[in-house]
Amino acid sequence: MVRRFSETTPAIRDGRLFLPNANGTSVDITLRGRVDAQLPALIPKYRQAGAVGQVSLCLDHPADFVALIKAEAPRT
């Protein structure tokens, strides 16, 4: 689904990994299961880790990405 979330810096919040640019994110991906994610940082207090079930990221052409994923998805 193409949408925009308000986070503008990488973060792990409420089970979601945000990988934005300065304008936020443009694609929301829901995973089949939760995975461990880590956000490294030079300063230890800014490092984050946690289990995520969703990834929100910024893409230049989000609609093209969604179309590609739908075309490649196995039919159930």
PDB file of N, CA and C in Angstrom:
ATOM      1  N   MET A   1       0.846  -1.169   0.000  1.00  0.00           N
ATOM      2  CA  MET A   1       0.000   0.000   0.000  1.00  0.00           C
ATOM      3  C   MET A   1       0.896   1.237   0.000  1.00  0.00           C
ATOM      4  N   VAL A   2       0.588   2.188  -0.807  1.00  0.00           N
ATOM      5  CA  VAL A   2       1.354   3.431  -0.859  1.00  0.00           C
ATOM      6  C   VAL A   2       0.741   4.416   0.126  1.00  0.00           C
ATOM      7  N   ARG A   3       1.554   4.880   1.051  1.00  0.00           N
ATOM      8  CA  ARG A   3       1.097   5.857   2.040  1.00  0.00           C
ATOM      9  C   ARG A   3       2.304   6.585   2.599  1.00  0.00           C
ATOM     10  N   ARG A   4       2.055   7.586   3.400  1.00  0.00           N
ATOM     11  CA  ARG A   4       3.146   8.362   3.975  1.00  0.00           C
ATOM     12  C   ARG A   4       3.005   8.397   5.490  1.00  0.00           C
ATOM     13  N   PHE A   5       4.089   8.095   6.180  1.00  0.00           N
ATOM     14  CA  PHE A   5       4.126   8.170   7.631  1.00  0.00           C
ATOM     15  C   PHE A   5       4.973   9.358   8.046  1.00  0.00           C
ATOM     16  N   SER A   6       4.788   9.830   9.252  1.00  0.00           N
ATOM     17  CA  SER A   6       5.390  11.086   9.677  1.00  0.00           C
ATOM     18  C   SER A   6       6.844  10.987  10.125  1.00  0.00           C
ATOM     19  N   GLU A   7       7.364   9.813  10.417  1.00  0.00           N
ATOM     20  CA  GLU A   7       8.760   9.715  10.851  1.00  0.00           C
ATOM     21  C   GLU A   7       9.679  10.231   9.747  1.00  0.00           C
ATOM     22  N   THR A   8      10.679  11.011  10.118  1.00  0.00           N
ATOM     23  CA  THR A   8      11.628  11.526   9.129  1.00  0.00           C
ATOM     24  C   THR A   8      13.071  11.134   9.447  1.00  0.00           C
ATOM     25  N   THR A   9      13.250  10.308  10.463  1.00  0.00           N
ATOM     26  CA  THR A   9      14.561   9.734  10.767  1.00  0.00           C
ATOM     27  C   THR A   9      14.366   8.243  11.005  1.00  0.00           C
ATOM     28  N   PRO A  10      15.379   7.414  10.735  1.00  0.00           N
ATOM     29  CA  PRO A  10      15.229   5.978  10.977  1.00  0.00           C
ATOM     30  C   PRO A  10      14.832   5.716  12.428  1.00  0.00           C
ATOM     31  N   ALA A  11      13.873   4.810  12.604  1.00  0.00           N
ATOM     32  CA  ALA A  11      13.377   4.528  13.954  1.00  0.00           C
ATOM     33  C   ALA A  11      12.668   3.186  13.975  1.00  0.00           C
ATOM     34  N   ILE A  12      12.557   2.632  15.167  1.00  0.00           N
ATOM     35  CA  ILE A  12      11.716   1.465  15.416  1.00  0.00           C
ATOM     36  C   ILE A  12      10.672   1.920  16.418  1.00  0.00           C
ATOM     37  N   ARG A  13       9.408   1.917  16.012  1.00  0.00           N
ATOM     38  CA  ARG A  13       8.309   2.377  16.864  1.00  0.00           C
ATOM     39  C   ARG A  13       7.127   1.429  16.723  1.00  0.00           C
ATOM     40  N   ASP A  14       6.626   0.944  17.843  1.00  0.00           N
ATOM     41  CA  ASP A  14       5.407   0.132  17.866  1.00  0.00           C
ATOM     42  C   ASP A  14       5.447  -1.011  16.856  1.00  0.00           C
ATOM     43  N   GLY A  15       6.576  -1.709  16.781  1.00  0.00           N
ATOM     44  CA  GLY A  15       6.677  -2.860  15.892  1.00  0.00           C
ATOM     45  C   GLY A  15       6.847  -2.515  14.424  1.00  0.00           C
ATOM     46  N   ARG A  16       7.202  -1.282  14.133  1.00  0.00           N
ATOM     47  CA  ARG A  16       7.398  -0.844  12.745  1.00  0.00           C
ATOM     48  C   ARG A  16       8.804  -0.256  12.599  1.00  0.00           C
ATOM     49  N   LEU A  17       9.508  -0.657  11.530  1.00  0.00           N
ATOM     50  CA  LEU A  17      10.810  -0.102  11.188  1.00  0.00           C
ATOM     51  C   LEU A  17      10.598   1.000  10.166  1.00  0.00           C
ATOM     52  N   PHE A  18      11.027   2.204  10.495  1.00  0.00           N
ATOM     53  CA  PHE A  18      10.913   3.352   9.594  1.00  0.00           C
ATOM     54  C   PHE A  18      12.267   3.611   8.943  1.00  0.00           C
ATOM     55  N   LEU A  19      12.286   3.660   7.611  1.00  0.00           N
ATOM     56  CA  LEU A  19      13.480   4.007   6.842  1.00  0.00           C
ATOM     57  C   LEU A  19      13.100   5.144   5.902  1.00  0.00           C
ATOM     58  N   PRO A  20      12.978   6.353   6.443  1.00  0.00           N
ATOM     59  CA  PRO A  20      12.464   7.488   5.672  1.00  0.00           C
ATOM     60  C   PRO A  20      13.562   8.340   5.035  1.00  0.00           C
ATOM     61  N   ASN A  21      13.118   9.323   4.268  1.00  0.00           N
ATOM     62  CA  ASN A  21      13.998  10.431   3.900  1.00  0.00           C
ATOM     63  C   ASN A  21      13.461  11.655   4.642  1.00  0.00           C
ATOM     64  N   ALA A  22      13.875  12.840   4.278  1.00  0.00           N
ATOM     65  CA  ALA A  22      13.452  14.049   4.992  1.00  0.00           C
ATOM     66  C   ALA A  22      11.955  14.320   4.885  1.00  0.00           C
ATOM     67  N   ASN A  23      11.291  13.716   3.907  1.00  0.00           N
ATOM     68  CA  ASN A  23       9.852  13.909   3.721  1.00  0.00           C
ATOM     69  C   ASN A  23       9.015  12.787   4.316  1.00  0.00           C
ATOM     70  N   GLY A  24       9.634  11.820   4.969  1.00  0.00           N
ATOM     71  CA  GLY A  24       8.884  10.712   5.540  1.00  0.00           C
ATOM     72  C   GLY A  24       9.025   9.455   4.702  1.00  0.00           C
ATOM     73  N   THR A  25       8.003   8.617   4.740  1.00  0.00           N
ATOM     74  CA  THR A  25       8.027   7.353   4.005  1.00  0.00           C
ATOM     75  C   THR A  25       6.904   7.323   2.986  1.00  0.00           C
ATOM     76  N   SER A  26       7.033   6.429   2.013  1.00  0.00           N
ATOM     77  CA  SER A  26       6.026   6.366   0.954  1.00  0.00           C
ATOM     78  C   SER A  26       5.445   4.973   0.753  1.00  0.00           C
ATOM     79  N   VAL A  27       6.026   3.950   1.383  1.00  0.00           N
ATOM     80  CA  VAL A  27       5.535   2.579   1.222  1.00  0.00           C
ATOM     81  C   VAL A  27       5.489   1.906   2.589  1.00  0.00           C
ATOM     82  N   ASP A  28       4.433   1.173   2.846  1.00  0.00           N
ATOM     83  CA  ASP A  28       4.268   0.406   4.076  1.00  0.00           C
ATOM     84  C   ASP A  28       4.209  -1.064   3.697  1.00  0.00           C
ATOM     85  N   ILE A  29       5.098  -1.873   4.261  1.00  0.00           N
ATOM     86  CA  ILE A  29       5.142  -3.308   3.981  1.00  0.00           C
ATOM     87  C   ILE A  29       4.806  -4.048   5.264  1.00  0.00           C
ATOM     88  N   THR A  30       3.829  -4.933   5.209  1.00  0.00           N
ATOM     89  CA  THR A  30       3.485  -5.774   6.349  1.00  0.00           C
ATOM     90  C   THR A  30       4.104  -7.145   6.120  1.00  0.00           C
ATOM     91  N   LEU A  31       4.928  -7.589   7.060  1.00  0.00           N
ATOM     92  CA  LEU A  31       5.606  -8.871   6.951  1.00  0.00           C
ATOM     93  C   LEU A  31       4.694  -9.995   7.426  1.00  0.00           C
ATOM     94  N   ARG A  32       4.972 -11.203   6.984  1.00  0.00           N
ATOM     95  CA  ARG A  32       4.170 -12.360   7.422  1.00  0.00           C
ATOM     96  C   ARG A  32       4.411 -12.698   8.883  1.00  0.00           C
ATOM     97  N   GLY A  33       5.578 -12.358   9.373  1.00  0.00           N
ATOM     98  CA  GLY A  33       5.918 -12.602  10.769  1.00  0.00           C
ATOM     99  C   GLY A  33       6.845 -11.508  11.258  1.00  0.00           C
ATOM    100  N   ARG A  34       7.095 -11.522  12.554  1.00  0.00           N
ATOM    101  CA  ARG A  34       7.976 -10.497  13.117  1.00  0.00           C
ATOM    102  C   ARG A  34       9.434 -10.927  12.939  1.00  0.00           C
ATOM    103  N   VAL A  35      10.305  -9.948  12.713  1.00  0.00           N
ATOM    104  CA  VAL A  35      11.742 -10.181  12.590  1.00  0.00           C
ATOM    105  C   VAL A  35      12.467  -9.182  13.487  1.00  0.00           C
ATOM    106  N   ASP A  36      13.685  -9.533  13.886  1.00  0.00           N
ATOM    107  CA  ASP A  36      14.490  -8.615  14.684  1.00  0.00           C
ATOM    108  C   ASP A  36      15.143  -7.593  13.768  1.00  0.00           C
ATOM    109  N   ALA A  37      15.096  -6.344  14.159  1.00  0.00           N
ATOM    110  CA  ALA A  37      15.702  -5.257  13.387  1.00  0.00           C
ATOM    111  C   ALA A  37      16.631  -4.466  14.293  1.00  0.00           C
ATOM    112  N   GLN A  38      17.696  -3.949  13.711  1.00  0.00           N
ATOM    113  CA  GLN A  38      18.637  -3.117  14.454  1.00  0.00           C
ATOM    114  C   GLN A  38      18.951  -1.871  13.650  1.00  0.00           C
ATOM    115  N   LEU A  39      19.006  -0.747  14.326  1.00  0.00           N
ATOM    116  CA  LEU A  39      19.443   0.512  13.728  1.00  0.00           C
ATOM    117  C   LEU A  39      20.760   0.887  14.390  1.00  0.00           C
ATOM    118  N   PRO A  40      21.872   0.720  13.690  1.00  0.00           N
ATOM    119  CA  PRO A  40      23.160   1.059  14.281  1.00  0.00           C
ATOM    120  C   PRO A  40      23.347   2.571  14.366  1.00  0.00           C
ATOM    121  N   ALA A  41      24.210   2.993  15.258  1.00  0.00           N
ATOM    122  CA  ALA A  41      24.557   4.409  15.393  1.00  0.00           C
ATOM    123  C   ALA A  41      25.931   4.503  16.040  1.00  0.00           C
ATOM    124  N   LEU A  42      26.661   5.537  15.706  1.00  0.00           N
ATOM    125  CA  LEU A  42      27.979   5.727  16.314  1.00  0.00           C
ATOM    126  C   LEU A  42      27.878   5.978  17.810  1.00  0.00           C
ATOM    127  N   ILE A  43      26.850   6.697  18.229  1.00  0.00           N
ATOM    128  CA  ILE A  43      26.640   6.990  19.647  1.00  0.00           C
ATOM    129  C   ILE A  43      25.684   5.937  20.212  1.00  0.00           C
ATOM    130  N   PRO A  44      26.150   5.148  21.193  1.00  0.00           N
ATOM    131  CA  PRO A  44      25.348   4.030  21.688  1.00  0.00           C
ATOM    132  C   PRO A  44      23.921   4.379  22.104  1.00  0.00           C
ATOM    133  N   LYS A  45      23.698   5.539  22.688  1.00  0.00           N
ATOM    134  CA  LYS A  45      22.342   5.857  23.160  1.00  0.00           C
ATOM    135  C   LYS A  45      21.350   6.007  22.004  1.00  0.00           C
ATOM    136  N   TYR A  46      21.829   6.180  20.786  1.00  0.00           N
ATOM    137  CA  TYR A  46      20.941   6.312  19.631  1.00  0.00           C
ATOM    138  C   TYR A  46      20.691   4.985  18.911  1.00  0.00           C
ATOM    139  N   ARG A  47      21.347   3.922  19.338  1.00  0.00           N
ATOM    140  CA  ARG A  47      21.123   2.605  18.732  1.00  0.00           C
ATOM    141  C   ARG A  47      19.751   2.093  19.139  1.00  0.00           C
ATOM    142  N   GLN A  48      19.092   1.449  18.191  1.00  0.00           N
ATOM    143  CA  GLN A  48      17.768   0.895  18.473  1.00  0.00           C
ATOM    144  C   GLN A  48      17.705  -0.542  17.977  1.00  0.00           C
ATOM    145  N   ALA A  49      16.912  -1.347  18.645  1.00  0.00           N
ATOM    146  CA  ALA A  49      16.677  -2.726  18.231  1.00  0.00           C
ATOM    147  C   ALA A  49      15.286  -3.118  18.687  1.00  0.00           C
ATOM    148  N   GLY A  50      14.687  -4.029  17.955  1.00  0.00           N
ATOM    149  CA  GLY A  50      13.374  -4.515  18.343  1.00  0.00           C
ATOM    150  C   GLY A  50      12.779  -5.413  17.286  1.00  0.00           C
ATOM    151  N   ALA A  51      11.737  -6.116  17.657  1.00  0.00           N
ATOM    152  CA  ALA A  51      11.016  -6.977  16.719  1.00  0.00           C
ATOM    153  C   ALA A  51      10.039  -6.120  15.926  1.00  0.00           C
ATOM    154  N   VAL A  52      10.016  -6.312  14.623  1.00  0.00           N
ATOM    155  CA  VAL A  52       9.119  -5.538  13.765  1.00  0.00           C
ATOM    156  C   VAL A  52       8.302  -6.467  12.879  1.00  0.00           C
ATOM    157  N   GLY A  53       7.099  -6.056  12.600  1.00  0.00           N
ATOM    158  CA  GLY A  53       6.221  -6.778  11.690  1.00  0.00           C
ATOM    159  C   GLY A  53       5.844  -5.935  10.490  1.00  0.00           C
ATOM    160  N   GLN A  54       6.308  -4.688  10.499  1.00  0.00           N
ATOM    161  CA  GLN A  54       6.028  -3.772   9.392  1.00  0.00           C
ATOM    162  C   GLN A  54       7.272  -2.942   9.107  1.00  0.00           C
ATOM    163  N   VAL A  55       7.443  -2.597   7.841  1.00  0.00           N
ATOM    164  CA  VAL A  55       8.546  -1.741   7.414  1.00  0.00           C
ATOM    165  C   VAL A  55       7.952  -0.611   6.591  1.00  0.00           C
ATOM    166  N   SER A  56       8.290   0.602   6.944  1.00  0.00           N
ATOM    167  CA  SER A  56       7.861   1.779   6.187  1.00  0.00           C
ATOM    168  C   SER A  56       9.117   2.432   5.636  1.00  0.00           C
ATOM    169  N   LEU A  57       9.155   2.638   4.325  1.00  0.00           N
ATOM    170  CA  LEU A  57      10.346   3.197   3.721  1.00  0.00           C
ATOM    171  C   LEU A  57      10.006   4.200   2.640  1.00  0.00           C
ATOM    172  N   CYS A  58      11.001   4.967   2.268  1.00  0.00           N
ATOM    173  CA  CYS A  58      10.824   5.968   1.223  1.00  0.00           C
ATOM    174  C   CYS A  58      11.388   5.432  -0.082  1.00  0.00           C
ATOM    175  N   LEU A  59      10.588   5.473  -1.127  1.00  0.00           N
ATOM    176  CA  LEU A  59      11.012   5.073  -2.466  1.00  0.00           C
ATOM    177  C   LEU A  59      10.694   6.196  -3.436  1.00  0.00           C
ATOM    178  N   ASP A  60      11.515   6.337  -4.464  1.00  0.00           N
ATOM    179  CA  ASP A  60      11.259   7.364  -5.476  1.00  0.00           C
ATOM    180  C   ASP A  60      10.008   7.067  -6.290  1.00  0.00           C
ATOM    181  N   HIS A  61       9.748   5.780  -6.544  1.00  0.00           N
ATOM    182  CA  HIS A  61       8.598   5.382  -7.362  1.00  0.00           C
ATOM    183  C   HIS A  61       7.801   4.301  -6.621  1.00  0.00           C
ATOM    184  N   PRO A  62       7.079   4.674  -5.571  1.00  0.00           N
ATOM    185  CA  PRO A  62       6.390   3.676  -4.747  1.00  0.00           C
ATOM    186  C   PRO A  62       5.339   2.875  -5.499  1.00  0.00           C
ATOM    187  N   ALA A  63       4.609   3.486  -6.403  1.00  0.00           N
ATOM    188  CA  ALA A  63       3.571   2.754  -7.138  1.00  0.00           C
ATOM    189  C   ALA A  63       4.193   1.661  -8.002  1.00  0.00           C
ATOM    190  N   ASP A  64       5.356   1.916  -8.582  1.00  0.00           N
ATOM    191  CA  ASP A  64       6.044   0.894  -9.375  1.00  0.00           C
ATOM    192  C   ASP A  64       6.464  -0.275  -8.495  1.00  0.00           C
ATOM    193  N   PHE A  65       6.941   0.014  -7.287  1.00  0.00           N
ATOM    194  CA  PHE A  65       7.334  -1.033  -6.349  1.00  0.00           C
ATOM    195  C   PHE A  65       6.134  -1.901  -5.973  1.00  0.00           C
ATOM    196  N   VAL A  66       5.030  -1.270  -5.644  1.00  0.00           N
ATOM    197  CA  VAL A  66       3.825  -2.011  -5.269  1.00  0.00           C
ATOM    198  C   VAL A  66       3.357  -2.886  -6.428  1.00  0.00           C
ATOM    199  N   ALA A  67       3.366  -2.368  -7.643  1.00  0.00           N
ATOM    200  CA  ALA A  67       2.955  -3.149  -8.817  1.00  0.00           C
ATOM    201  C   ALA A  67       3.873  -4.354  -9.010  1.00  0.00           C
ATOM    202  N   LEU A  68       5.173  -4.171  -8.830  1.00  0.00           N
ATOM    203  CA  LEU A  68       6.123  -5.267  -8.977  1.00  0.00           C
ATOM    204  C   LEU A  68       5.887  -6.341  -7.927  1.00  0.00           C
ATOM    205  N   ILE A  69       5.693  -5.936  -6.685  1.00  0.00           N
ATOM    206  CA  ILE A  69       5.446  -6.902  -5.609  1.00  0.00           C
ATOM    207  C   ILE A  69       4.159  -7.678  -5.874  1.00  0.00           C
ATOM    208  N   LYS A  70       3.116  -6.997  -6.292  1.00  0.00           N
ATOM    209  CA  LYS A  70       1.852  -7.681  -6.587  1.00  0.00           C
ATOM    210  C   LYS A  70       2.015  -8.664  -7.735  1.00  0.00           C
ATOM    211  N   ALA A  71       2.804  -8.311  -8.740  1.00  0.00           N
ATOM    212  CA  ALA A  71       3.019  -9.194  -9.886  1.00  0.00           C
ATOM    213  C   ALA A  71       3.820 -10.432  -9.496  1.00  0.00           C
ATOM    214  N   GLU A  72       4.736 -10.290  -8.529  1.00  0.00           N
ATOM    215  CA  GLU A  72       5.598 -11.394  -8.115  1.00  0.00           C
ATOM    216  C   GLU A  72       5.013 -12.229  -6.984  1.00  0.00           C
ATOM    217  N   ALA A  73       3.974 -11.757  -6.337  1.00  0.00           N
ATOM    218  CA  ALA A  73       3.396 -12.459  -5.185  1.00  0.00           C
ATOM    219  C   ALA A  73       2.795 -13.788  -5.618  1.00  0.00           C
ATOM    220  N   PRO A  74       3.045 -14.845  -4.835  1.00  0.00           N
ATOM    221  CA  PRO A  74       2.436 -16.134  -5.170  1.00  0.00           C
ATOM    222  C   PRO A  74       0.918 -16.063  -5.036  1.00  0.00           C
ATOM    223  N   ARG A  75       0.246 -16.706  -5.922  1.00  0.00           N
ATOM    224  CA  ARG A  75      -1.225 -16.743  -5.890  1.00  0.00           C
ATOM    225  C   ARG A  75      -1.677 -17.757  -4.850  1.00  0.00           C
ATOM    226  N   THR A  76      -2.615 -17.351  -4.005  1.00  0.00           N
ATOM    227  CA  THR A  76      -3.120 -18.276  -2.975  1.00  0.00           C
ATOM    228  C   THR A  76      -4.562 -18.615  -3.224  1.00  0.00           C
TER     229      THR A  76
END
